[in-house]
Amino acid sequence: MPGVQAHLEKIAAGQENTDTTEINSLPAKKAGAKIIGWAIPVIIIALIAAGFVFGGMKKGADLLGAWVIWNAALAGIGALIAGGHPLTVIMAAVGAPFTSLCPLVGVGMFAGIVQAFMCKPKVADMESVMDDVSSVKGFYKNRLLRVLLVFFLSSLGSSIGTFVGGSSIVVSIVSFFKDLIK
């Protein structure tokens, strides 16, 4: 309260400006952020393609399998830990290897939608959000908060899967080319 009062007094005295036009628009995204957002998926796809081209079907399938397994397993486990509906868990596992290659959408968005559709939040859930958000048990009891939990944990699992799967692909490709050079 004292801080608000001090600002109001400064505004009344003309010492502070109330113009908020500076914060009415979002700053433009920098080109570097866009490039980085697409760089990881492009690198992953290029490495898997290199596995097929230079290592044959077996090597390419191994790399693709590593990508799919890491992403699917960790996103599915995230949805499972969140207490997601079985169809939500399946959707998270099936969708993660694809959505992790597109920086515009994430598996959590789809998993959250499926969870909300399968276990529709009720008015009582919305009314008790403030109480339920204060405990872990509340997140699992409240259907609205469960949708958020599914969103977060399946996204987290997919993100971890992207980096673990991507690094396993890099390690595999590097060792393959080292063996090829020998």
N, C-alpha and C. Protein backbone atom coordinates (compact mmCIF):
# COMPACT_ATOMS: atom_id res chain seq x y z
N MET A 1 0.79 -1.20 0.00
CA MET A 1 0.00 0.00 0.00
C MET A 1 0.84 1.28 0.00
N PRO A 2 1.91 1.35 0.80
CA PRO A 2 2.68 2.60 0.79
C PRO A 2 3.28 2.91 -0.59
N GLY A 3 3.71 1.88 -1.31
CA GLY A 3 4.28 2.10 -2.64
C GLY A 3 3.24 2.62 -3.62
N VAL A 4 2.03 2.06 -3.57
CA VAL A 4 0.94 2.52 -4.44
C VAL A 4 0.59 3.96 -4.10
N GLN A 5 0.51 4.24 -2.82
CA GLN A 5 0.18 5.60 -2.38
C GLN A 5 1.24 6.60 -2.86
N ALA A 6 2.51 6.21 -2.77
CA ALA A 6 3.59 7.10 -3.21
C ALA A 6 3.49 7.39 -4.71
N HIS A 7 3.20 6.35 -5.50
CA HIS A 7 3.05 6.56 -6.96
C HIS A 7 1.85 7.44 -7.27
N LEU A 8 0.74 7.23 -6.57
CA LEU A 8 -0.44 8.07 -6.81
C LEU A 8 -0.16 9.53 -6.45
N GLU A 9 0.59 9.74 -5.40
CA GLU A 9 0.93 11.11 -5.02
C GLU A 9 1.84 11.76 -6.07
N LYS A 10 2.79 10.97 -6.61
CA LYS A 10 3.68 11.50 -7.65
C LYS A 10 2.90 11.81 -8.92
N ILE A 11 1.92 10.98 -9.26
CA ILE A 11 1.08 11.23 -10.44
C ILE A 11 0.28 12.51 -10.23
N ALA A 12 -0.29 12.66 -9.04
CA ALA A 12 -1.09 13.86 -8.73
C ALA A 12 -0.23 15.12 -8.77
N ALA A 13 1.04 14.99 -8.38
CA ALA A 13 1.93 16.15 -8.37
C ALA A 13 2.54 16.41 -9.76
N GLY A 14 2.28 15.50 -10.72
CA GLY A 14 2.81 15.67 -12.07
C GLY A 14 4.25 15.20 -12.22
N GLN A 15 4.75 14.47 -11.25
CA GLN A 15 6.13 13.97 -11.30
C GLN A 15 6.25 12.66 -12.08
N GLU A 16 5.14 11.94 -12.24
CA GLU A 16 5.15 10.69 -12.99
C GLU A 16 4.09 10.76 -14.08
N ASN A 17 4.35 10.05 -15.16
CA ASN A 17 3.47 10.04 -16.32
C ASN A 17 2.58 8.79 -16.25
N THR A 18 1.33 8.91 -16.67
CA THR A 18 0.42 7.76 -16.68
C THR A 18 0.25 7.17 -18.08
N ASP A 19 1.07 7.61 -19.02
CA ASP A 19 0.99 7.11 -20.38
C ASP A 19 1.49 5.66 -20.44
N THR A 20 0.65 4.75 -20.91
CA THR A 20 1.00 3.32 -20.97
C THR A 20 1.14 2.81 -22.41
N THR A 21 1.29 3.70 -23.36
CA THR A 21 1.38 3.26 -24.76
C THR A 21 2.62 2.41 -25.02
N GLU A 22 3.67 2.60 -24.24
CA GLU A 22 4.89 1.81 -24.42
C GLU A 22 4.65 0.32 -24.20
N ILE A 23 3.75 -0.03 -23.31
CA ILE A 23 3.54 -1.44 -22.96
C ILE A 23 2.30 -2.03 -23.63
N ASN A 24 1.73 -1.33 -24.59
CA ASN A 24 0.53 -1.82 -25.28
C ASN A 24 0.84 -2.85 -26.36
N SER A 25 2.08 -2.95 -26.77
CA SER A 25 2.41 -3.91 -27.84
C SER A 25 3.59 -4.77 -27.41
N LEU A 26 3.64 -5.96 -28.01
CA LEU A 26 4.73 -6.87 -27.72
C LEU A 26 5.96 -6.46 -28.51
N PRO A 27 7.15 -6.61 -27.92
CA PRO A 27 8.35 -6.32 -28.69
C PRO A 27 8.52 -7.34 -29.81
N ALA A 28 9.11 -6.92 -30.90
CA ALA A 28 9.32 -7.82 -32.04
C ALA A 28 10.31 -8.91 -31.66
N LYS A 29 10.04 -10.14 -32.13
CA LYS A 29 10.96 -11.24 -31.86
C LYS A 29 12.23 -11.03 -32.65
N LYS A 30 13.32 -11.36 -32.03
CA LYS A 30 14.60 -11.22 -32.70
C LYS A 30 14.83 -12.40 -33.63
N ALA A 31 15.56 -12.17 -34.69
CA ALA A 31 15.82 -13.22 -35.68
C ALA A 31 16.55 -14.39 -35.07
N GLY A 32 17.42 -14.14 -34.11
CA GLY A 32 18.18 -15.20 -33.46
C GLY A 32 17.28 -16.20 -32.76
N ALA A 33 16.22 -15.71 -32.12
CA ALA A 33 15.29 -16.60 -31.42
C ALA A 33 14.55 -17.50 -32.41
N LYS A 34 14.19 -16.94 -33.55
CA LYS A 34 13.52 -17.74 -34.58
C LYS A 34 14.45 -18.80 -35.14
N ILE A 35 15.69 -18.41 -35.37
CA ILE A 35 16.66 -19.35 -35.93
C ILE A 35 16.93 -20.48 -34.95
N ILE A 36 17.13 -20.17 -33.69
CA ILE A 36 17.39 -21.20 -32.69
C ILE A 36 16.18 -22.12 -32.55
N GLY A 37 14.98 -21.56 -32.61
CA GLY A 37 13.77 -22.37 -32.50
C GLY A 37 13.66 -23.43 -33.57
N TRP A 38 14.14 -23.13 -34.75
CA TRP A 38 14.08 -24.09 -35.86
C TRP A 38 15.38 -24.87 -36.03
N ALA A 39 16.48 -24.42 -35.42
CA ALA A 39 17.78 -25.06 -35.62
C ALA A 39 17.81 -26.48 -35.06
N ILE A 40 17.31 -26.68 -33.87
CA ILE A 40 17.35 -28.01 -33.25
C ILE A 40 16.57 -29.03 -34.07
N PRO A 41 15.31 -28.75 -34.46
CA PRO A 41 14.61 -29.73 -35.28
C PRO A 41 15.30 -30.01 -36.62
N VAL A 42 15.84 -28.97 -37.25
CA VAL A 42 16.53 -29.16 -38.53
C VAL A 42 17.77 -30.03 -38.34
N ILE A 43 18.51 -29.80 -37.28
CA ILE A 43 19.70 -30.60 -37.00
C ILE A 43 19.32 -32.06 -36.74
N ILE A 44 18.28 -32.28 -35.94
CA ILE A 44 17.84 -33.65 -35.64
C ILE A 44 17.44 -34.38 -36.93
N ILE A 45 16.63 -33.72 -37.74
CA ILE A 45 16.18 -34.34 -39.00
C ILE A 45 17.38 -34.61 -39.91
N ALA A 46 18.32 -33.66 -39.97
CA ALA A 46 19.50 -33.83 -40.82
C ALA A 46 20.36 -35.00 -40.34
N LEU A 47 20.51 -35.14 -39.03
CA LEU A 47 21.32 -36.23 -38.50
C LEU A 47 20.67 -37.59 -38.76
N ILE A 48 19.36 -37.65 -38.60
CA ILE A 48 18.65 -38.91 -38.89
C ILE A 48 18.77 -39.23 -40.38
N ALA A 49 18.60 -38.23 -41.23
CA ALA A 49 18.75 -38.44 -42.68
C ALA A 49 20.18 -38.88 -43.01
N ALA A 50 21.16 -38.29 -42.34
CA ALA A 50 22.56 -38.70 -42.56
C ALA A 50 22.76 -40.15 -42.15
N GLY A 51 22.08 -40.56 -41.10
CA GLY A 51 22.16 -41.96 -40.69
C GLY A 51 21.65 -42.89 -41.77
N PHE A 52 20.54 -42.52 -42.40
CA PHE A 52 20.00 -43.33 -43.49
C PHE A 52 20.93 -43.31 -44.71
N VAL A 53 21.44 -42.12 -45.04
CA VAL A 53 22.27 -41.98 -46.25
C VAL A 53 23.62 -42.69 -46.08
N PHE A 54 24.30 -42.45 -44.98
CA PHE A 54 25.65 -42.98 -44.81
C PHE A 54 25.70 -44.32 -44.09
N GLY A 55 24.70 -44.62 -43.29
CA GLY A 55 24.75 -45.86 -42.52
C GLY A 55 23.77 -46.91 -42.97
N GLY A 56 22.90 -46.56 -43.89
CA GLY A 56 21.94 -47.52 -44.39
C GLY A 56 20.67 -47.55 -43.56
N MET A 57 19.79 -48.48 -43.93
CA MET A 57 18.49 -48.59 -43.26
C MET A 57 18.63 -48.88 -41.77
N LYS A 58 19.54 -49.76 -41.40
CA LYS A 58 19.68 -50.15 -40.00
C LYS A 58 20.08 -48.96 -39.14
N LYS A 59 21.09 -48.22 -39.56
CA LYS A 59 21.57 -47.08 -38.79
C LYS A 59 20.50 -45.99 -38.73
N GLY A 60 19.89 -45.68 -39.85
CA GLY A 60 18.83 -44.67 -39.88
C GLY A 60 17.65 -45.05 -39.01
N ALA A 61 17.25 -46.32 -39.07
CA ALA A 61 16.13 -46.79 -38.25
C ALA A 61 16.48 -46.74 -36.77
N ASP A 62 17.74 -47.05 -36.43
CA ASP A 62 18.18 -46.96 -35.04
C ASP A 62 18.09 -45.52 -34.52
N LEU A 63 18.54 -44.58 -35.34
CA LEU A 63 18.49 -43.17 -34.94
C LEU A 63 17.05 -42.68 -34.82
N LEU A 64 16.24 -43.03 -35.78
CA LEU A 64 14.82 -42.64 -35.74
C LEU A 64 14.14 -43.28 -34.54
N GLY A 65 14.46 -44.54 -34.28
CA GLY A 65 13.88 -45.23 -33.13
C GLY A 65 14.27 -44.59 -31.81
N ALA A 66 15.54 -44.17 -31.71
CA ALA A 66 15.99 -43.49 -30.48
C ALA A 66 15.20 -42.20 -30.27
N TRP A 67 15.01 -41.46 -31.35
CA TRP A 67 14.26 -40.21 -31.27
C TRP A 67 12.82 -40.47 -30.80
N VAL A 68 12.18 -41.41 -31.44
CA VAL A 68 10.78 -41.71 -31.13
C VAL A 68 10.65 -42.25 -29.71
N ILE A 69 11.50 -43.18 -29.32
CA ILE A 69 11.39 -43.81 -28.00
C ILE A 69 11.61 -42.80 -26.89
N TRP A 70 12.68 -41.99 -26.98
CA TRP A 70 12.95 -41.02 -25.92
C TRP A 70 11.81 -40.01 -25.79
N ASN A 71 11.37 -39.46 -26.90
CA ASN A 71 10.29 -38.46 -26.86
C ASN A 71 8.98 -39.07 -26.39
N ALA A 72 8.60 -40.19 -26.97
CA ALA A 72 7.32 -40.82 -26.64
C ALA A 72 7.30 -41.27 -25.19
N ALA A 73 8.35 -41.94 -24.76
CA ALA A 73 8.37 -42.48 -23.40
C ALA A 73 8.31 -41.37 -22.36
N LEU A 74 9.12 -40.34 -22.52
CA LEU A 74 9.17 -39.31 -21.49
C LEU A 74 7.92 -38.43 -21.47
N ALA A 75 7.36 -38.14 -22.63
CA ALA A 75 6.11 -37.37 -22.66
C ALA A 75 4.97 -38.21 -22.08
N GLY A 76 4.92 -39.49 -22.43
CA GLY A 76 3.89 -40.37 -21.88
C GLY A 76 4.02 -40.52 -20.38
N ILE A 77 5.24 -40.65 -19.91
CA ILE A 77 5.47 -40.75 -18.46
C ILE A 77 5.04 -39.46 -17.77
N GLY A 78 5.32 -38.32 -18.39
CA GLY A 78 4.89 -37.04 -17.82
C GLY A 78 3.38 -36.97 -17.70
N ALA A 79 2.66 -37.38 -18.75
CA ALA A 79 1.20 -37.38 -18.70
C ALA A 79 0.69 -38.39 -17.67
N LEU A 80 1.38 -39.50 -17.54
CA LEU A 80 1.00 -40.53 -16.56
C LEU A 80 1.20 -40.03 -15.14
N ILE A 81 2.33 -39.39 -14.88
CA ILE A 81 2.59 -38.82 -13.55
C ILE A 81 1.54 -37.76 -13.21
N ALA A 82 1.10 -37.02 -14.22
CA ALA A 82 0.07 -36.00 -14.01
C ALA A 82 -1.30 -36.61 -13.75
N GLY A 83 -1.41 -37.90 -13.91
CA GLY A 83 -2.71 -38.55 -13.70
C GLY A 83 -3.63 -38.36 -14.88
N GLY A 84 -3.07 -38.26 -16.06
CA GLY A 84 -3.87 -38.05 -17.25
C GLY A 84 -4.71 -39.26 -17.60
N HIS A 85 -5.78 -39.02 -18.31
CA HIS A 85 -6.66 -40.08 -18.81
C HIS A 85 -5.81 -40.99 -19.72
N PRO A 86 -6.12 -42.29 -19.81
CA PRO A 86 -5.33 -43.18 -20.67
C PRO A 86 -5.19 -42.68 -22.11
N LEU A 87 -6.24 -42.11 -22.68
CA LEU A 87 -6.12 -41.56 -24.04
C LEU A 87 -5.18 -40.36 -24.08
N THR A 88 -5.12 -39.61 -22.99
CA THR A 88 -4.20 -38.48 -22.91
C THR A 88 -2.76 -38.98 -22.91
N VAL A 89 -2.51 -40.03 -22.15
CA VAL A 89 -1.16 -40.61 -22.08
C VAL A 89 -0.75 -41.13 -23.47
N ILE A 90 -1.66 -41.82 -24.14
CA ILE A 90 -1.38 -42.34 -25.48
C ILE A 90 -1.13 -41.18 -26.45
N MET A 91 -1.97 -40.15 -26.37
CA MET A 91 -1.79 -39.00 -27.26
C MET A 91 -0.44 -38.32 -27.03
N ALA A 92 -0.05 -38.18 -25.77
CA ALA A 92 1.23 -37.55 -25.45
C ALA A 92 2.38 -38.38 -26.03
N ALA A 93 2.30 -39.69 -25.87
CA ALA A 93 3.37 -40.56 -26.37
C ALA A 93 3.42 -40.57 -27.90
N VAL A 94 2.28 -40.61 -28.54
CA VAL A 94 2.25 -40.64 -30.01
C VAL A 94 2.63 -39.28 -30.60
N GLY A 95 2.19 -38.21 -29.98
CA GLY A 95 2.41 -36.88 -30.54
C GLY A 95 3.77 -36.28 -30.28
N ALA A 96 4.43 -36.68 -29.20
CA ALA A 96 5.69 -36.04 -28.80
C ALA A 96 6.79 -36.09 -29.85
N PRO A 97 7.04 -37.24 -30.50
CA PRO A 97 8.12 -37.23 -31.49
C PRO A 97 7.89 -36.26 -32.65
N PHE A 98 6.63 -35.97 -32.95
CA PHE A 98 6.31 -35.06 -34.05
C PHE A 98 6.32 -33.61 -33.59
N THR A 99 5.65 -33.34 -32.47
CA THR A 99 5.54 -31.95 -32.01
C THR A 99 6.87 -31.39 -31.53
N SER A 100 7.78 -32.26 -31.10
CA SER A 100 9.08 -31.75 -30.66
C SER A 100 9.93 -31.29 -31.84
N LEU A 101 9.51 -31.61 -33.05
CA LEU A 101 10.21 -31.13 -34.24
C LEU A 101 9.60 -29.84 -34.79
N CYS A 102 8.59 -29.32 -34.14
CA CYS A 102 7.94 -28.08 -34.58
C CYS A 102 7.87 -27.10 -33.41
N PRO A 103 8.63 -26.02 -33.47
CA PRO A 103 8.64 -25.08 -32.34
C PRO A 103 7.34 -24.28 -32.18
N LEU A 104 6.41 -24.42 -33.10
CA LEU A 104 5.17 -23.65 -33.02
C LEU A 104 4.15 -24.30 -32.09
N VAL A 105 4.19 -25.61 -31.94
CA VAL A 105 3.25 -26.32 -31.08
C VAL A 105 4.01 -27.31 -30.21
N GLY A 106 3.41 -27.64 -29.10
CA GLY A 106 4.02 -28.63 -28.21
C GLY A 106 3.02 -29.72 -27.89
N VAL A 107 3.54 -30.83 -27.47
CA VAL A 107 2.68 -31.96 -27.14
C VAL A 107 1.77 -31.63 -25.97
N GLY A 108 2.21 -30.76 -25.09
CA GLY A 108 1.39 -30.39 -23.93
C GLY A 108 0.07 -29.76 -24.33
N MET A 109 0.08 -29.00 -25.42
CA MET A 109 -1.16 -28.38 -25.90
C MET A 109 -2.18 -29.45 -26.27
N PHE A 110 -1.73 -30.44 -27.02
CA PHE A 110 -2.63 -31.49 -27.46
C PHE A 110 -3.04 -32.39 -26.29
N ALA A 111 -2.08 -32.71 -25.43
CA ALA A 111 -2.40 -33.56 -24.28
C ALA A 111 -3.39 -32.84 -23.36
N GLY A 112 -3.21 -31.55 -23.16
CA GLY A 112 -4.13 -30.78 -22.33
C GLY A 112 -5.53 -30.74 -22.91
N ILE A 113 -5.62 -30.60 -24.23
CA ILE A 113 -6.93 -30.59 -24.89
C ILE A 113 -7.62 -31.93 -24.74
N VAL A 114 -6.87 -33.02 -24.94
CA VAL A 114 -7.46 -34.35 -24.80
C VAL A 114 -7.91 -34.57 -23.36
N GLN A 115 -7.08 -34.16 -22.40
CA GLN A 115 -7.44 -34.31 -20.99
C GLN A 115 -8.70 -33.52 -20.67
N ALA A 116 -8.78 -32.29 -21.15
CA ALA A 116 -9.96 -31.46 -20.89
C ALA A 116 -11.21 -32.04 -21.54
N PHE A 117 -11.04 -32.66 -22.69
CA PHE A 117 -12.18 -33.26 -23.38
C PHE A 117 -12.64 -34.54 -22.68
N MET A 118 -11.69 -35.35 -22.25
CA MET A 118 -12.02 -36.63 -21.63
C MET A 118 -12.52 -36.47 -20.19
N CYS A 119 -11.97 -35.54 -19.46
CA CYS A 119 -12.34 -35.30 -18.05
C CYS A 119 -12.69 -33.82 -17.92
N LYS A 120 -13.86 -33.48 -18.38
CA LYS A 120 -14.28 -32.07 -18.46
C LYS A 120 -14.29 -31.40 -17.08
N PRO A 121 -13.61 -30.25 -16.98
CA PRO A 121 -13.69 -29.50 -15.71
C PRO A 121 -15.11 -29.03 -15.45
N LYS A 122 -15.48 -29.01 -14.19
CA LYS A 122 -16.81 -28.60 -13.78
C LYS A 122 -16.74 -27.21 -13.14
N VAL A 123 -17.88 -26.62 -12.96
CA VAL A 123 -17.95 -25.30 -12.34
C VAL A 123 -17.32 -25.34 -10.95
N ALA A 124 -17.55 -26.41 -10.22
CA ALA A 124 -16.98 -26.54 -8.87
C ALA A 124 -15.45 -26.52 -8.91
N ASP A 125 -14.87 -27.07 -9.97
CA ASP A 125 -13.41 -27.04 -10.12
C ASP A 125 -12.93 -25.61 -10.28
N MET A 126 -13.66 -24.83 -11.05
CA MET A 126 -13.28 -23.43 -11.26
C MET A 126 -13.44 -22.62 -9.98
N GLU A 127 -14.47 -22.94 -9.23
CA GLU A 127 -14.71 -22.21 -7.98
C GLU A 127 -13.67 -22.53 -6.91
N SER A 128 -13.10 -23.72 -6.95
CA SER A 128 -12.16 -24.11 -5.90
C SER A 128 -10.70 -24.02 -6.33
N VAL A 129 -10.43 -23.41 -7.47
CA VAL A 129 -9.05 -23.31 -7.96
C VAL A 129 -8.14 -22.65 -6.94
N MET A 130 -8.56 -21.56 -6.35
CA MET A 130 -7.70 -20.83 -5.42
C MET A 130 -7.32 -21.68 -4.22
N ASP A 131 -8.21 -22.51 -3.75
CA ASP A 131 -7.91 -23.39 -2.61
C ASP A 131 -7.05 -24.58 -3.07
N ASP A 132 -7.42 -25.16 -4.21
CA ASP A 132 -6.74 -26.37 -4.68
C ASP A 132 -5.32 -26.12 -5.16
N VAL A 133 -5.04 -24.93 -5.64
CA VAL A 133 -3.71 -24.63 -6.19
C VAL A 133 -2.65 -24.58 -5.08
N SER A 134 -3.07 -24.53 -3.85
CA SER A 134 -2.11 -24.42 -2.74
C SER A 134 -1.55 -25.75 -2.29
N SER A 135 -2.01 -26.86 -2.88
CA SER A 135 -1.47 -28.17 -2.47
C SER A 135 -1.31 -29.08 -3.68
N VAL A 136 -0.41 -30.02 -3.55
CA VAL A 136 -0.20 -31.00 -4.63
C VAL A 136 -1.46 -31.84 -4.79
N LYS A 137 -2.07 -32.22 -3.69
CA LYS A 137 -3.30 -33.02 -3.74
C LYS A 137 -4.39 -32.26 -4.50
N GLY A 138 -4.44 -30.95 -4.32
CA GLY A 138 -5.42 -30.13 -5.01
C GLY A 138 -5.26 -30.17 -6.52
N PHE A 139 -4.01 -30.20 -7.00
CA PHE A 139 -3.76 -30.27 -8.44
C PHE A 139 -4.31 -31.57 -9.03
N TYR A 140 -4.24 -32.63 -8.26
CA TYR A 140 -4.74 -33.92 -8.75
C TYR A 140 -6.25 -34.06 -8.58
N LYS A 141 -6.80 -33.36 -7.61
CA LYS A 141 -8.24 -33.45 -7.35
C LYS A 141 -9.04 -32.56 -8.30
N ASN A 142 -8.52 -31.40 -8.60
CA ASN A 142 -9.22 -30.41 -9.41
C ASN A 142 -9.00 -30.71 -10.89
N ARG A 143 -10.06 -30.90 -11.64
CA ARG A 143 -9.95 -31.27 -13.05
C ARG A 143 -9.32 -30.17 -13.90
N LEU A 144 -9.59 -28.93 -13.58
CA LEU A 144 -8.98 -27.82 -14.33
C LEU A 144 -7.47 -27.78 -14.09
N LEU A 145 -7.07 -27.92 -12.85
CA LEU A 145 -5.64 -27.92 -12.53
C LEU A 145 -4.97 -29.17 -13.08
N ARG A 146 -5.70 -30.27 -13.16
CA ARG A 146 -5.14 -31.50 -13.74
C ARG A 146 -4.80 -31.28 -15.21
N VAL A 147 -5.64 -30.53 -15.92
CA VAL A 147 -5.35 -30.22 -17.33
C VAL A 147 -4.03 -29.45 -17.41
N LEU A 148 -3.82 -28.49 -16.53
CA LEU A 148 -2.57 -27.74 -16.51
C LEU A 148 -1.39 -28.63 -16.15
N LEU A 149 -1.61 -29.54 -15.22
CA LEU A 149 -0.56 -30.47 -14.82
C LEU A 149 -0.18 -31.39 -15.97
N VAL A 150 -1.16 -31.88 -16.69
CA VAL A 150 -0.91 -32.72 -17.87
C VAL A 150 -0.14 -31.91 -18.91
N PHE A 151 -0.57 -30.70 -19.15
CA PHE A 151 0.12 -29.82 -20.10
C PHE A 151 1.59 -29.67 -19.72
N PHE A 152 1.83 -29.33 -18.46
CA PHE A 152 3.19 -29.04 -18.01
C PHE A 152 4.07 -30.29 -18.02
N LEU A 153 3.60 -31.38 -17.42
CA LEU A 153 4.46 -32.56 -17.29
C LEU A 153 4.70 -33.28 -18.61
N SER A 154 3.70 -33.31 -19.50
CA SER A 154 3.95 -33.93 -20.81
C SER A 154 4.89 -33.05 -21.64
N SER A 155 4.77 -31.74 -21.53
CA SER A 155 5.70 -30.83 -22.22
C SER A 155 7.11 -30.98 -21.67
N LEU A 156 7.22 -31.08 -20.36
CA LEU A 156 8.53 -31.26 -19.73
C LEU A 156 9.16 -32.57 -20.18
N GLY A 157 8.37 -33.65 -20.19
CA GLY A 157 8.88 -34.94 -20.64
C GLY A 157 9.34 -34.88 -22.09
N SER A 158 8.57 -34.24 -22.94
CA SER A 158 8.96 -34.13 -24.34
C SER A 158 10.21 -33.29 -24.50
N SER A 159 10.34 -32.23 -23.72
CA SER A 159 11.54 -31.39 -23.79
C SER A 159 12.78 -32.17 -23.37
N ILE A 160 12.66 -32.91 -22.29
CA ILE A 160 13.78 -33.73 -21.85
C ILE A 160 14.08 -34.79 -22.91
N GLY A 161 13.03 -35.40 -23.47
CA GLY A 161 13.20 -36.39 -24.52
C GLY A 161 13.89 -35.82 -25.74
N THR A 162 13.61 -34.57 -26.08
CA THR A 162 14.25 -33.92 -27.21
C THR A 162 15.76 -33.83 -26.99
N PHE A 163 16.16 -33.41 -25.81
CA PHE A 163 17.58 -33.25 -25.55
C PHE A 163 18.29 -34.59 -25.34
N VAL A 164 17.64 -35.52 -24.66
CA VAL A 164 18.26 -36.84 -24.46
C VAL A 164 18.32 -37.59 -25.79
N GLY A 165 17.19 -37.61 -26.51
CA GLY A 165 17.16 -38.29 -27.80
C GLY A 165 18.08 -37.63 -28.81
N GLY A 166 18.08 -36.31 -28.83
CA GLY A 166 18.96 -35.58 -29.74
C GLY A 166 20.42 -35.83 -29.43
N SER A 167 20.78 -35.83 -28.16
CA SER A 167 22.19 -36.07 -27.81
C SER A 167 22.58 -37.52 -28.10
N SER A 168 21.65 -38.47 -27.93
CA SER A 168 21.99 -39.86 -28.27
C SER A 168 22.19 -40.01 -29.78
N ILE A 169 21.44 -39.27 -30.56
CA ILE A 169 21.62 -39.29 -32.02
C ILE A 169 22.98 -38.70 -32.39
N VAL A 170 23.33 -37.58 -31.77
CA VAL A 170 24.63 -36.94 -32.05
C VAL A 170 25.76 -37.89 -31.68
N VAL A 171 25.69 -38.49 -30.50
CA VAL A 171 26.74 -39.42 -30.06
C VAL A 171 26.84 -40.59 -31.03
N SER A 172 25.72 -41.14 -31.44
CA SER A 172 25.70 -42.27 -32.36
C SER A 172 26.29 -41.91 -33.72
N ILE A 173 25.93 -40.76 -34.25
CA ILE A 173 26.46 -40.31 -35.54
C ILE A 173 27.97 -40.06 -35.45
N VAL A 174 28.40 -39.41 -34.38
CA VAL A 174 29.82 -39.11 -34.22
C VAL A 174 30.62 -40.41 -34.14
N SER A 175 30.14 -41.37 -33.35
CA SER A 175 30.87 -42.64 -33.23
C SER A 175 30.85 -43.40 -34.55
N PHE A 176 29.73 -43.30 -35.28
CA PHE A 176 29.63 -43.97 -36.59
C PHE A 176 30.68 -43.42 -37.55
N PHE A 177 30.80 -42.09 -37.60
CA PHE A 177 31.77 -41.50 -38.53
C PHE A 177 33.21 -41.74 -38.08
N LYS A 178 33.43 -41.82 -36.75
CA LYS A 178 34.78 -42.16 -36.26
C LYS A 178 35.15 -43.57 -36.72
N ASP A 179 34.19 -44.50 -36.60
CA ASP A 179 34.45 -45.88 -37.03
C ASP A 179 34.63 -45.94 -38.55
N LEU A 180 33.90 -45.11 -39.27
CA LEU A 180 33.98 -45.09 -40.73
C LEU A 180 35.34 -44.58 -41.21
N ILE A 181 35.90 -43.62 -40.48
CA ILE A 181 37.18 -43.03 -40.85
C ILE A 181 38.32 -43.99 -40.57
N LYS A 182 38.20 -44.81 -39.52
CA LYS A 182 39.28 -45.74 -39.15
C LYS A 182 39.51 -46.74 -40.19
